[in-house]
Amino acid sequence: GAMVEMRAVWVSRFDWLGDYTPQKINEIVDNVAYAGFNTIFFQVRGEADAFYNSAYEPWSYRLTGTLGQDPGWDPLGYLIQQAHAAGIQVHAYINVYTVWLGCDPPPAGTNPLHLYYQIQQAHGTTNGKLNGLQWYSNGNVVCGSSEYQRSSPASVFVDNHLMNVATDLVTHYDIDGLHLDHIRYAGSTTSCDPVSAAAAGVSCFSTPPNGYASYEDWQRAQVNGTVWKFYTQIVPQKAGLWLSAAVWPSYSTGYNNYFQDPKSWLGFYDGEAYIDSVSPMIYPGTFNCPDNSGWTQSVWYNTVADYQSESNGRYIIPGIGTGYCTFSEIETRINMARSIGTAGHALFSYRGLKNNQYFDDLHNGPYATPAVVPSISWHP
C-alpha cells in the first residue's frame, strides 16, 4: 500500500532560468513524477509579477525579457495540466511582501500596472521615497543588488491587493494549495516607513503601540494579519485548498529578527490555527563538499522535532536542501522526518536534484513506495 506523506519539491523561477518553455515543464514533471514526488511548490510570483495570466499583475519579464509581455503560453496552466495528469499536486508559490528586486523602479506603463506604482499612488512619497515600502531606521528604502524592495506589512492596501491576486489564482487555476514565501520583514530594523508609523501610531522601535506589549509584537501582528487574511479569505474559496508557508529555519531568529511567528499561525499559543502547514527552510544558502554549514543532521533533527512538538496538530513539512554532494545527506533527513512523524517534507530545490542526478536515488530509495498527500481534516 501507499504511504501517506507529502513529498514536495520547490520549483522556483530560478530553477528553470533561461529555459522558460513548455518543454522544460515537461522535463520537470517527468523527473518529479519518476522520482516519486506527489507535490510541486511552483513559483508563480517572484516580484509582484506573474508566471500565469493575471488580472492584477504583469507577466514576469523573465519569460520574454519585457515586463508585462504575454509569452504566448501559460506556465502555471500548462504545469497544472501536466502535473495533474501525472497525479501530482500543484501549490502556487508566491513571494508575499517582495515588490521588486534591486533599487531601481520596475518599468512603468504595464497593464496591469506594477504594484510598485500602485503603492506609490495609494500611499504617496516622501522625498521621492515610496511611503508604502519598508524603510530602514536611517530612512533609506530597503533594497540592494540582491535584496528586494518590499512592501510594508502594515499596508492594508497591499493586503487587499494580495487577496485579489490569490482569489484570481484560486478562481482561474485548479491549484491544490497556496504556498507563501517572504512572509516576513526584511530585517530587524525595516519598519521605519511612514505607513508603519501611521498604522502603529508611534515611531519605529520607540514606545509600544496602543494594545501591544512591544513595538516588535506590533510588527509580528502585521505579518500574522496577512497570513490570517489568506486563511480566512482565500482558503474557504476552494475545498481542500492547502495554505502553507516557508519559514525561517530557526524559530527564535525568525521571531526576533524578521517578526515571523509561525507558531502563532499553527495555533500553538492559543489553539487558534490559521495555516495548514509550515516548512522551515533548514538548509544552507551555499553547499560545500562535504557540507560544513551549521545545519548539521543533528541540528536539522532538533529543529524539526521542536516544530513538530509545537504544531498544534497542524502539519510540519520540513525543508531539505538538494545541493549536498552525497545523496545520503538527503536520505538521512527524509528518514529523520519520518521518525519524528511529520506529515511529509519538501526538497529545495529542483535544480539541485537535476544537477546532482538524484532522481534515480529517490526513485530507488526513500521514494520506492508510492505516497499520497495527507488530507486536511480541520477545514473543508
Protein backbone atom coordinates (compact mmCIF):
# COMPACT_ATOMS: atom_id res chain seq x y z
CA GLY A 1 0.00 0.00 0.00
CA ALA A 2 0.93 3.63 -0.44
CA MET A 3 2.45 5.72 2.32
CA VAL A 4 0.70 8.89 3.48
CA GLU A 5 3.36 11.57 3.12
CA MET A 6 3.67 14.88 1.33
CA ARG A 7 6.75 14.67 -0.89
CA ALA A 8 7.14 18.20 -2.20
CA VAL A 9 9.74 19.86 -4.37
CA TRP A 10 10.16 23.61 -4.73
CA VAL A 11 10.42 24.81 -8.32
CA SER A 12 11.42 28.47 -8.12
CA ARG A 13 11.69 30.82 -11.07
CA PHE A 14 15.46 30.29 -10.88
CA ASP A 15 15.16 26.51 -11.25
CA TRP A 16 14.38 26.89 -14.96
CA LEU A 17 16.16 30.19 -15.59
CA GLY A 18 16.75 30.90 -19.27
CA ASP A 19 14.69 27.90 -20.38
CA TYR A 20 11.15 29.14 -19.87
CA THR A 21 9.46 26.73 -22.29
CA PRO A 22 6.69 24.11 -22.23
CA GLN A 23 9.37 21.52 -22.99
CA LYS A 24 11.14 22.42 -19.74
CA ILE A 25 7.85 21.98 -17.86
CA ASN A 26 7.56 18.52 -19.43
CA GLU A 27 11.07 17.68 -18.23
CA ILE A 28 10.32 18.91 -14.71
CA VAL A 29 7.08 16.92 -14.41
CA ASP A 30 8.64 13.78 -15.91
CA ASN A 31 11.59 13.87 -13.50
CA VAL A 32 9.48 14.76 -10.47
CA ALA A 33 6.94 12.02 -11.21
CA TYR A 34 9.65 9.44 -11.86
CA ALA A 35 11.44 10.31 -8.60
CA GLY A 36 8.23 9.73 -6.63
CA PHE A 37 7.16 13.21 -5.56
CA ASN A 38 3.46 14.00 -5.16
CA THR A 39 3.57 17.79 -4.80
CA ILE A 40 5.21 20.73 -6.59
CA PHE A 41 5.55 24.16 -4.99
CA PHE A 42 5.68 26.13 -8.26
CA GLN A 43 6.72 29.77 -8.08
CA VAL A 44 4.18 31.96 -9.86
CA ARG A 45 5.01 35.33 -8.26
CA GLY A 46 8.56 36.49 -7.64
CA GLU A 47 8.46 40.28 -7.54
CA ALA A 48 4.80 41.29 -7.85
CA ASP A 49 4.73 39.75 -11.32
CA ALA A 50 3.12 36.66 -12.84
CA PHE A 51 4.06 33.33 -14.37
CA TYR A 52 0.37 32.96 -15.26
CA ASN A 53 -2.34 35.07 -16.83
CA SER A 54 -3.07 37.51 -14.02
CA ALA A 55 -5.76 40.16 -13.88
CA TYR A 56 -3.77 42.07 -11.25
CA GLU A 57 -0.05 41.78 -12.04
CA PRO A 58 2.04 41.95 -15.22
CA TRP A 59 3.69 38.93 -16.82
CA SER A 60 7.21 38.37 -15.45
CA TYR A 61 9.92 39.96 -17.58
CA ARG A 62 11.87 36.72 -17.23
CA LEU A 63 9.52 34.97 -19.66
CA THR A 64 10.16 37.30 -22.61
CA GLY A 65 12.65 39.95 -21.49
CA THR A 66 9.87 42.51 -21.15
CA LEU A 67 7.69 43.08 -18.09
CA GLY A 68 4.03 42.66 -18.98
CA GLN A 69 4.58 40.94 -22.32
CA ASP A 70 2.43 37.86 -22.90
CA PRO A 71 4.79 34.93 -23.56
CA GLY A 72 2.19 33.21 -25.72
CA TRP A 73 1.70 30.35 -23.28
CA ASP A 74 0.71 29.93 -19.65
CA PRO A 75 3.40 28.32 -17.45
CA LEU A 76 1.14 27.68 -14.45
CA GLY A 77 -1.77 26.48 -16.57
CA TYR A 78 0.43 24.11 -18.54
CA LEU A 79 2.20 22.81 -15.43
CA ILE A 80 -1.14 22.06 -13.72
CA GLN A 81 -2.33 20.15 -16.78
CA GLN A 82 0.84 18.03 -16.95
CA ALA A 83 1.28 17.54 -13.20
CA HIS A 84 -2.32 16.57 -12.56
CA ALA A 85 -2.12 14.07 -15.40
CA ALA A 86 0.83 12.53 -13.53
CA GLY A 87 -1.00 12.53 -10.20
CA ILE A 88 1.00 15.41 -8.73
CA GLN A 89 -0.47 18.30 -6.75
CA VAL A 90 0.45 21.87 -7.66
CA HIS A 91 0.71 24.52 -4.96
CA ALA A 92 1.12 28.06 -6.30
CA TYR A 93 4.18 29.53 -4.59
CA ILE A 94 4.21 33.30 -4.12
CA ASN A 95 6.69 35.75 -2.63
CA VAL A 96 4.40 37.82 -0.42
CA TYR A 97 5.96 41.17 0.53
CA THR A 98 8.58 41.38 -2.23
CA VAL A 99 7.86 44.17 -4.72
CA TRP A 100 10.91 44.42 -6.99
CA LEU A 101 14.48 43.12 -6.93
CA GLY A 102 17.18 45.80 -6.73
CA CYS A 103 16.90 49.53 -6.06
CA ASP A 104 15.55 50.74 -9.40
CA PRO A 105 11.82 51.04 -10.07
CA PRO A 106 10.21 48.47 -12.38
CA PRO A 107 9.16 49.52 -15.88
CA ALA A 108 6.14 51.81 -15.83
CA GLY A 109 3.06 51.69 -18.01
CA THR A 110 2.38 47.97 -18.00
CA ASN A 111 -1.16 46.63 -17.98
CA PRO A 112 -1.83 45.64 -15.24
CA LEU A 113 0.24 48.39 -13.65
CA HIS A 114 3.05 47.01 -11.48
CA LEU A 115 2.34 47.03 -7.74
CA TYR A 116 5.25 49.44 -7.16
CA TYR A 117 3.28 52.21 -8.89
CA GLN A 118 0.03 51.19 -7.21
CA ILE A 119 1.78 51.56 -3.83
CA GLN A 120 3.11 54.93 -4.96
CA GLN A 121 -0.42 56.06 -5.84
CA ALA A 122 -2.04 54.63 -2.70
CA HIS A 123 0.46 55.79 -0.09
CA GLY A 124 2.37 58.64 -1.72
CA THR A 125 6.05 59.51 -1.41
CA THR A 126 8.36 61.39 0.96
CA ASN A 127 11.48 62.94 -0.56
CA GLY A 128 10.96 60.70 -3.57
CA LYS A 129 10.74 57.51 -1.50
CA LEU A 130 7.60 55.38 -1.52
CA ASN A 131 5.87 55.59 1.86
CA GLY A 132 4.48 52.06 1.49
CA LEU A 133 7.82 50.28 1.09
CA GLN A 134 9.89 49.05 4.06
CA TRP A 135 12.42 51.64 5.23
CA TYR A 136 15.50 51.19 7.40
CA SER A 137 15.83 53.24 10.60
CA ASN A 138 18.20 55.58 8.71
CA GLY A 139 15.36 56.47 6.36
CA ASN A 140 16.60 54.55 3.32
CA VAL A 141 14.30 52.22 1.44
CA VAL A 142 15.22 48.55 1.88
CA CYS A 143 16.85 47.35 -1.36
CA GLY A 144 20.15 46.15 -2.79
CA SER A 145 21.73 44.30 -5.67
CA SER A 146 20.41 41.03 -4.25
CA GLU A 147 17.74 42.48 -1.94
CA TYR A 148 14.15 43.29 -2.81
CA GLN A 149 12.22 46.45 -2.31
CA ARG A 150 9.47 45.17 -0.05
CA SER A 151 6.03 46.42 0.87
CA SER A 152 5.22 47.48 4.41
CA PRO A 153 3.32 44.64 6.15
CA ALA A 154 1.22 47.37 7.78
CA SER A 155 -0.27 48.34 4.41
CA VAL A 156 -3.93 47.35 4.22
CA PHE A 157 -3.85 48.40 0.57
CA VAL A 158 -1.19 45.77 -0.18
CA ASP A 159 -3.06 43.13 1.83
CA ASN A 160 -6.15 43.80 -0.27
CA HIS A 161 -4.06 43.54 -3.43
CA LEU A 162 -2.64 40.21 -2.25
CA MET A 163 -6.14 38.89 -1.60
CA ASN A 164 -7.14 39.91 -5.14
CA VAL A 165 -4.08 38.12 -6.55
CA ALA A 166 -4.80 34.97 -4.55
CA THR A 167 -8.51 34.98 -5.37
CA ASP A 168 -7.65 35.32 -9.06
CA LEU A 169 -5.32 32.30 -8.79
CA VAL A 170 -7.81 30.11 -6.93
CA THR A 171 -10.67 31.13 -9.22
CA HIS A 172 -8.96 30.66 -12.58
CA TYR A 173 -6.50 27.84 -11.91
CA ASP A 174 -7.05 24.36 -10.47
CA ILE A 175 -4.37 24.79 -7.81
CA ASP A 176 -4.22 22.42 -4.85
CA GLY A 177 -2.60 24.87 -2.49
CA LEU A 178 -1.10 28.29 -1.93
CA HIS A 179 2.48 28.44 -0.64
CA LEU A 180 3.74 31.66 0.94
CA ASP A 181 7.38 32.77 0.96
CA HIS A 182 8.95 36.06 2.11
CA ILE A 183 6.11 36.37 4.59
CA ARG A 184 8.26 38.40 7.00
CA TYR A 185 10.06 41.70 7.39
CA ALA A 186 13.34 42.20 5.53
CA GLY A 187 15.29 42.55 8.77
CA SER A 188 15.35 43.71 12.35
CA THR A 189 15.04 47.47 11.64
CA THR A 190 12.98 47.69 8.45
CA SER A 191 9.63 49.07 9.61
CA CYS A 192 10.61 52.74 9.73
CA ASP A 193 8.41 53.73 6.79
CA PRO A 194 5.61 56.32 7.06
CA VAL A 195 2.87 53.69 6.52
CA SER A 196 4.13 51.75 9.55
CA ALA A 197 4.36 54.92 11.64
CA ALA A 198 0.80 55.90 10.76
CA ALA A 199 -0.56 52.43 11.49
CA ALA A 200 1.38 51.94 14.73
CA GLY A 201 0.81 55.47 15.99
CA VAL A 202 4.42 55.63 17.16
CA SER A 203 7.80 55.96 15.51
CA CYS A 204 9.68 52.73 14.87
CA PHE A 205 11.16 50.91 17.88
CA SER A 206 10.01 53.59 20.32
CA THR A 207 7.14 53.17 22.81
CA PRO A 208 4.84 50.17 22.32
CA PRO A 209 1.86 50.86 20.06
CA ASN A 210 -1.51 51.01 21.80
CA GLY A 211 -2.62 47.49 22.74
CA TYR A 212 0.80 45.87 22.32
CA ALA A 213 3.48 44.96 24.86
CA SER A 214 6.25 45.99 22.48
CA TYR A 215 6.86 47.50 19.08
CA GLU A 216 8.16 44.08 17.99
CA ASP A 217 4.85 42.46 18.99
CA TRP A 218 3.08 45.01 16.78
CA GLN A 219 5.34 44.05 13.86
CA ARG A 220 4.60 40.36 14.35
CA ALA A 221 0.90 41.21 14.38
CA GLN A 222 1.21 42.86 10.96
CA VAL A 223 2.65 39.67 9.42
CA ASN A 224 0.22 37.46 11.34
CA GLY A 225 -2.61 39.56 9.97
CA THR A 226 -1.62 38.92 6.37
CA VAL A 227 -1.44 35.16 6.97
CA TRP A 228 -4.80 35.28 8.75
CA LYS A 229 -6.37 37.02 5.74
CA PHE A 230 -5.07 34.34 3.37
CA TYR A 231 -6.51 31.65 5.64
CA THR A 232 -9.89 33.25 6.28
CA GLN A 233 -10.48 34.84 2.86
CA ILE A 234 -8.77 32.53 0.35
CA VAL A 235 -8.85 29.00 1.81
CA PRO A 236 -12.69 28.92 2.02
CA GLN A 237 -12.91 29.65 -1.71
CA LYS A 238 -11.87 26.10 -2.63
CA ALA A 239 -12.48 22.84 -0.79
CA GLY A 240 -9.24 21.17 0.22
CA LEU A 241 -7.05 24.16 -0.59
CA TRP A 242 -3.82 23.85 1.40
CA LEU A 243 -2.25 27.05 2.80
CA SER A 244 1.43 26.68 3.64
CA ALA A 245 4.44 28.89 4.25
CA ALA A 246 8.20 28.59 4.01
CA VAL A 247 9.65 29.99 7.23
CA TRP A 248 12.97 30.90 8.79
CA PRO A 249 14.68 27.69 9.98
CA SER A 250 15.50 28.98 13.46
CA TYR A 251 12.21 29.89 15.13
CA SER A 252 13.87 32.34 17.54
CA THR A 253 15.72 34.11 14.73
CA GLY A 254 12.59 34.39 12.62
CA TYR A 255 10.61 35.62 15.62
CA ASN A 256 13.14 38.19 16.84
CA ASN A 257 14.84 39.41 13.64
CA TYR A 258 12.14 39.03 10.97
CA PHE A 259 8.98 39.26 13.10
CA GLN A 260 7.73 35.98 11.69
CA ASP A 261 5.83 33.85 14.21
CA PRO A 262 4.81 30.56 12.58
CA LYS A 263 3.93 29.01 15.94
CA SER A 264 1.18 31.61 16.20
CA TRP A 265 -0.05 30.60 12.74
CA LEU A 266 -0.06 26.95 13.84
CA GLY A 267 -2.15 27.86 16.89
CA PHE A 268 0.49 26.72 19.37
CA TYR A 269 -0.16 29.57 21.81
CA ASP A 270 -3.94 29.71 21.87
CA GLY A 271 -5.22 26.76 19.82
CA GLU A 272 -6.39 29.12 17.05
CA ALA A 273 -4.59 27.97 13.91
CA TYR A 274 -4.68 29.90 10.65
CA ILE A 275 -2.39 27.88 8.41
CA ASP A 276 -2.31 24.24 7.28
CA SER A 277 1.44 23.62 7.25
CA VAL A 278 4.77 25.34 7.69
CA SER A 279 8.06 24.43 6.06
CA PRO A 280 11.13 25.59 7.98
CA MET A 281 13.88 26.13 5.40
CA ILE A 282 16.55 24.06 7.16
CA TYR A 283 19.36 24.11 4.61
CA PRO A 284 22.44 26.23 3.86
CA GLY A 285 22.44 29.01 1.30
CA THR A 286 25.64 27.60 -0.18
CA PHE A 287 26.62 23.94 -0.31
CA ASN A 288 30.21 22.86 0.20
CA CYS A 289 31.57 19.36 -0.20
CA PRO A 290 31.40 17.97 2.38
CA ASP A 291 28.70 20.17 3.93
CA ASN A 292 30.26 22.37 6.61
CA SER A 293 27.29 24.60 7.35
CA GLY A 294 25.66 24.96 10.73
CA TRP A 295 22.64 22.98 9.51
CA THR A 296 24.06 19.62 10.54
CA GLN A 297 21.93 16.49 10.69
CA SER A 298 21.50 16.82 14.45
CA VAL A 299 20.52 20.50 14.19
CA TRP A 300 18.10 19.55 11.42
CA TYR A 301 16.59 16.83 13.60
CA ASN A 302 16.22 19.03 16.67
CA THR A 303 14.71 21.89 14.67
CA VAL A 304 12.09 19.62 13.10
CA ALA A 305 11.31 17.85 16.38
CA ASP A 306 10.76 21.23 18.05
CA TYR A 307 8.35 22.42 15.35
CA GLN A 308 6.54 19.08 15.35
CA SER A 309 6.06 19.13 19.13
CA GLU A 310 4.56 22.63 18.98
CA SER A 311 2.45 22.28 15.82
CA ASN A 312 -0.98 22.01 17.50
CA GLY A 313 -1.96 19.13 15.19
CA ARG A 314 -1.22 21.09 12.02
CA TYR A 315 1.37 19.85 9.58
CA ILE A 316 5.14 20.41 9.57
CA ILE A 317 6.72 19.83 6.14
CA PRO A 318 10.42 20.50 6.80
CA GLY A 319 12.72 21.73 4.05
CA ILE A 320 15.70 19.63 2.95
CA GLY A 321 18.45 21.00 0.70
CA THR A 322 19.33 19.30 -2.58
CA GLY A 323 22.81 20.72 -3.14
CA TYR A 324 24.58 18.15 -0.99
CA CYS A 325 27.33 16.25 -2.79
CA THR A 326 26.14 12.94 -1.34
CA PHE A 327 22.59 11.65 -1.55
CA SER A 328 22.87 10.20 1.95
CA GLU A 329 22.54 13.73 3.37
CA ILE A 330 19.06 13.92 1.82
CA GLU A 331 18.05 10.35 2.62
CA THR A 332 19.10 10.68 6.27
CA ARG A 333 16.93 13.78 6.67
CA ILE A 334 13.94 12.10 4.98
CA ASN A 335 14.29 9.21 7.42
CA MET A 336 14.57 11.66 10.33
CA ALA A 337 11.35 13.38 9.25
CA ARG A 338 9.62 10.00 9.14
CA SER A 339 10.90 9.02 12.58
CA ILE A 340 9.74 12.35 14.04
CA GLY A 341 6.34 11.79 12.44
CA THR A 342 5.98 14.83 10.21
CA ALA A 343 3.28 14.85 7.53
CA GLY A 344 5.99 14.90 4.88
CA HIS A 345 8.93 17.02 3.76
CA ALA A 346 9.95 19.33 0.92
CA LEU A 347 13.15 19.46 -1.11
CA PHE A 348 14.78 22.74 -2.14
CA SER A 349 15.05 22.73 -4.97
CA TYR A 350 14.53 21.09 -8.38
CA ARG A 351 17.79 22.42 -9.83
CA GLY A 352 19.93 20.71 -7.19
CA LEU A 353 18.25 17.36 -7.83
CA LYS A 354 18.82 17.76 -11.57
CA ASN A 355 22.44 18.87 -11.25
CA ASN A 356 23.27 16.02 -8.88
CA GLN A 357 21.16 13.45 -10.75
CA TYR A 358 19.32 12.43 -7.59
CA PHE A 359 16.04 11.39 -9.26
CA ASP A 360 17.18 7.76 -9.51
CA ASP A 361 18.34 7.78 -5.89
CA LEU A 362 14.91 8.93 -4.73
CA HIS A 363 13.05 6.51 -7.01
CA ASN A 364 15.11 3.52 -5.88
CA GLY A 365 15.50 4.62 -2.25
CA PRO A 366 13.25 6.62 0.08
CA TYR A 367 10.51 7.02 -2.56
CA ALA A 368 10.45 3.40 -3.76
CA THR A 369 7.00 3.03 -2.18
CA PRO A 370 4.44 5.50 -3.62
CA ALA A 371 2.87 8.07 -1.30
CA VAL A 372 -0.35 10.05 -1.21
CA VAL A 373 -0.61 13.57 0.20
CA PRO A 374 -2.17 13.69 3.68
CA SER A 375 -5.69 15.05 3.78
CA ILE A 376 -6.75 18.09 5.78
CA SER A 377 -9.46 17.32 8.33
CA TRP A 378 -9.83 20.72 10.01
CA HIS A 379 -11.40 22.67 7.16
CA PRO A 380 -13.46 21.79 4.07
